[in-house]
Protein backbone atom coordinates (compact mmCIF):
# COMPACT_ATOMS: atom_id res chain seq x y z
CA MET A 1 61.08 150.52 9.75
CA LYS A 2 59.62 150.64 13.28
CA LYS A 3 57.91 147.29 12.63
CA ALA A 4 61.14 145.77 11.39
CA GLU A 5 62.91 147.03 14.49
CA SER A 6 60.34 145.43 16.68
CA ILE A 7 60.36 142.12 14.74
CA PHE A 8 64.18 141.85 14.85
CA SER A 9 64.23 142.76 18.49
CA VAL A 10 61.82 139.88 19.28
CA PHE A 11 63.92 137.49 17.22
CA ILE A 12 67.03 138.64 19.12
CA LEU A 13 65.31 137.85 22.39
CA LEU A 14 64.14 134.48 21.02
CA GLY A 15 67.65 133.66 19.80
CA ILE A 16 69.22 134.48 23.18
CA ILE A 17 66.65 132.22 24.90
CA LEU A 18 67.37 129.41 22.38
CA LYS A 19 71.06 129.92 22.96
CA LEU A 20 70.73 129.52 26.68
CA PHE A 21 68.87 126.21 26.18
CA ASP A 22 71.32 125.09 23.50
CA VAL A 23 68.57 124.66 20.86
CA PRO A 24 69.96 123.91 17.42
CA GLY A 25 69.69 126.86 15.02
CA ASN A 26 70.08 129.51 17.69
CA SER A 27 73.13 130.97 16.08
CA ILE A 28 71.38 131.48 12.74
CA ILE A 29 68.50 133.34 14.39
CA LEU A 30 70.98 135.47 16.40
CA ILE A 31 73.20 136.30 13.46
CA LEU A 32 70.37 137.17 11.15
CA SER A 33 68.40 139.24 13.69
CA PHE A 34 71.38 141.17 15.18
CA SER A 35 72.89 141.87 11.75
CA SER A 36 69.59 142.91 10.19
CA LEU A 37 68.88 145.35 13.00
CA ALA A 38 72.45 146.67 12.75
CA VAL A 39 71.99 147.21 8.98
CA ILE A 40 68.73 149.15 9.65
CA TYR A 41 70.49 151.45 12.09
CA PHE A 42 73.65 151.82 10.02
CA ASN A 43 72.15 152.29 6.64
CA PHE A 44 68.80 153.79 7.44
CA GLY A 45 69.46 155.52 10.80
CA PHE A 46 69.13 158.92 9.10
CA LEU A 47 65.61 158.03 7.92
CA PHE A 48 64.58 156.09 11.02
CA PHE A 49 65.41 158.79 13.57
CA ASN A 50 64.02 161.59 11.39
CA ASP A 51 60.67 159.75 10.85
CA ILE A 52 61.11 159.57 7.13
CA ARG A 53 59.43 156.55 5.54
CA LEU A 54 61.45 154.54 3.09
CA ARG A 55 58.98 155.21 0.32
CA ASP A 56 59.25 159.01 0.92
CA ILE A 57 63.07 159.00 0.65
CA PHE A 58 63.04 160.90 -2.68
CA LYS A 59 60.33 163.42 -1.72
CA ARG A 60 61.54 166.89 -0.97
CA GLU A 61 58.77 167.55 1.62
CA SER A 62 60.10 164.74 3.83
CA TYR A 63 63.30 166.74 4.60
CA LYS A 64 61.72 170.05 5.53
CA LYS A 65 62.16 169.62 9.29
CA VAL A 66 65.58 167.95 9.04
CA THR A 67 68.52 170.14 9.92
CA ALA A 68 72.22 169.46 9.46
CA LYS A 69 72.63 168.75 13.18
CA ARG A 70 69.82 166.21 13.08
CA THR A 71 71.37 164.62 10.06
CA VAL A 72 74.75 164.22 11.70
CA GLY A 73 73.17 163.08 14.91
CA ALA A 74 71.01 160.42 13.27
CA ILE A 75 73.92 159.09 11.22
CA ALA A 76 76.27 158.98 14.29
CA THR A 77 73.55 157.28 16.32
CA GLY A 78 72.96 154.67 13.65
CA ILE A 79 76.71 153.90 13.41
CA ALA A 80 77.06 153.63 17.25
CA LEU A 81 74.00 151.40 17.64
CA SER A 82 75.12 149.10 14.87
CA LEU A 83 78.57 148.75 16.30
CA ILE A 84 77.20 147.86 19.73
CA LEU A 85 74.75 145.37 18.27
CA ILE A 86 77.46 143.60 16.29
CA GLY A 87 79.71 143.64 19.36
CA ILE A 88 76.96 142.07 21.46
CA LEU A 89 76.48 139.39 18.80
CA PHE A 90 80.24 138.62 18.89
CA LYS A 91 80.08 138.39 22.67
CA ILE A 92 77.04 136.03 22.70
CA GLU A 93 78.55 133.84 20.05
CA ILE A 94 81.89 133.81 21.93
CA TRP A 95 83.84 135.15 18.97
CA PRO A 96 87.07 137.10 19.58
CA GLY A 97 87.07 140.84 19.06
CA SER A 98 83.78 141.70 20.74
CA SER A 99 85.40 144.28 23.02
CA ASN A 100 87.13 145.96 20.07
CA ILE A 101 83.77 146.45 18.49
CA ILE A 102 81.79 147.45 21.57
CA LYS A 103 84.26 150.04 22.86
CA PRO A 104 84.10 152.55 20.01
CA GLY A 105 80.35 152.06 19.82
CA LEU A 106 79.94 152.86 23.54
CA PHE A 107 82.32 155.87 23.24
CA LEU A 108 80.41 157.30 20.36
CA LEU A 109 77.09 156.50 22.16
CA SER A 110 78.18 158.30 25.34
CA ILE A 111 78.92 161.46 23.38
CA ILE A 112 75.49 161.19 21.69
CA ILE A 113 73.77 160.65 25.04
CA ILE A 114 75.41 163.77 26.49
CA ILE A 115 74.45 165.88 23.48
CA THR A 116 70.92 164.44 23.47
CA LEU A 117 70.50 165.20 27.20
CA VAL A 118 71.61 168.78 26.69
CA LEU A 119 69.51 169.34 23.59
CA ARG A 120 66.45 167.43 24.84
CA LYS A 121 65.97 169.84 27.77
CA ASP A 122 65.51 172.68 25.33
CA ARG A 123 63.44 170.84 22.73
CA LYS A 124 60.87 168.16 23.58
CA SER A 125 60.90 166.73 20.05
CA ARG A 126 60.26 163.15 19.13
CA PHE A 127 63.66 163.04 17.40
CA TYR A 128 65.60 163.40 20.67
CA LYS A 129 63.24 161.11 22.54
CA LYS A 130 63.75 158.38 19.93
CA ILE A 131 67.54 158.70 20.04
CA TYR A 132 67.66 158.91 23.82
CA THR A 133 65.42 155.80 24.37
CA ARG A 134 67.41 153.65 21.94
CA THR A 135 70.82 154.76 23.09
CA LEU A 136 69.96 153.97 26.70
CA ILE A 137 68.48 150.57 26.01
CA ILE A 138 71.11 149.38 23.54
CA GLY A 139 73.89 151.16 25.40
CA LEU A 140 72.96 149.40 28.67
CA PHE A 141 72.97 145.97 26.92
CA GLY A 142 76.32 146.93 25.36
CA ILE A 143 77.85 147.77 28.74
CA ILE A 144 76.57 144.47 30.18
CA ALA A 145 77.98 142.53 27.15
CA TYR A 146 81.32 144.35 27.54
CA LEU A 147 81.56 143.58 31.26
CA ILE A 148 80.57 139.90 31.11
CA PRO A 149 83.70 137.81 30.89
CA PHE A 150 83.99 135.11 28.21
CA ASP A 151 84.70 132.55 30.89
CA LEU A 152 81.28 133.05 32.43
CA LEU A 153 79.55 132.56 29.04
CA ILE A 154 81.68 129.48 28.28
CA ASP A 155 80.81 127.99 31.62
CA LEU A 156 77.16 128.74 31.03
CA TYR A 157 77.00 127.35 27.50
CA TYR A 158 79.22 124.31 28.06
CA ASP A 159 78.38 123.27 31.61
CA ASP A 160 77.82 119.68 30.42
CA LYS A 161 81.16 119.63 28.47
CA PRO A 162 83.76 120.63 31.03
CA GLU A 163 86.78 119.46 28.85
CA VAL A 164 85.59 121.54 25.91
CA ALA A 165 84.96 124.51 28.20
CA GLU A 166 88.44 124.51 29.64
CA ILE A 167 90.19 124.26 26.25
CA MET A 168 87.84 126.95 24.82
CA LYS A 169 88.86 129.27 27.65
CA GLU A 170 92.50 128.79 26.65
CA VAL A 171 91.56 129.52 23.03
CA MET A 172 89.84 132.73 23.96
CA LYS A 173 92.90 133.93 25.84
CA ASP A 174 95.07 133.35 22.77
CA PRO A 175 92.90 132.82 19.68
CA TYR A 176 95.94 132.71 17.33
CA ASN A 177 97.57 129.75 19.08
CA GLU A 178 97.16 126.80 16.67
CA GLU A 179 97.97 124.14 19.29
CA ASN A 180 95.05 125.27 21.46
CA GLN A 181 92.76 125.31 18.45
CA GLU A 182 93.84 121.74 17.52
CA GLU A 183 93.13 120.65 21.11
CA LEU A 184 89.73 122.16 20.93
CA ASP A 185 89.02 120.35 17.66
CA LYS A 186 90.09 117.02 19.22
CA ALA A 187 87.91 117.69 22.36
CA TRP A 188 84.88 118.38 20.16
CA GLU A 189 85.55 115.17 18.12
CA LYS A 190 85.82 113.21 21.29
CA TYR A 191 82.64 114.64 22.62
CA LEU A 192 80.76 114.02 19.40
CA GLU A 193 81.75 110.33 19.21
């Protein structure tokens, strides 16, 4: 799973670069890589953080060093990291609701970081180091994504389409306003002609 984590992280970086240069297909790369990494953390966080290989999942020996606290910690970390990753994806793709996804992930992650810092001083195990490293890196990117306003991303992505950008800002302020959505559709049609 460590290789999969590295591969999807590289694809996330590639997708972000392609998004900045408005290369077609960037959204597909971003969606697949972010959601795949989120699935790994959410579904297999317990195995990943406890260094249990997928093929050893049904072997009793694999769980000898795993305590109940480690189980809860690994599951909570996997949930928090996956929430933050999906929230970052929503932010990058300028989809509404990113803050509502990132907030609970950051809250849970802050609790995990505090607990990890306290426990890591006592025990220098690989388990705590693995959790601490990932929570800091992904948590930092989550905070950055949470703080970046949608208007900045819209200006960055649509600097050559100012009419579309202005209407899109209005749509982001009120995503349920059908009139704004229709104006955005018309602006895109006009731009694509």
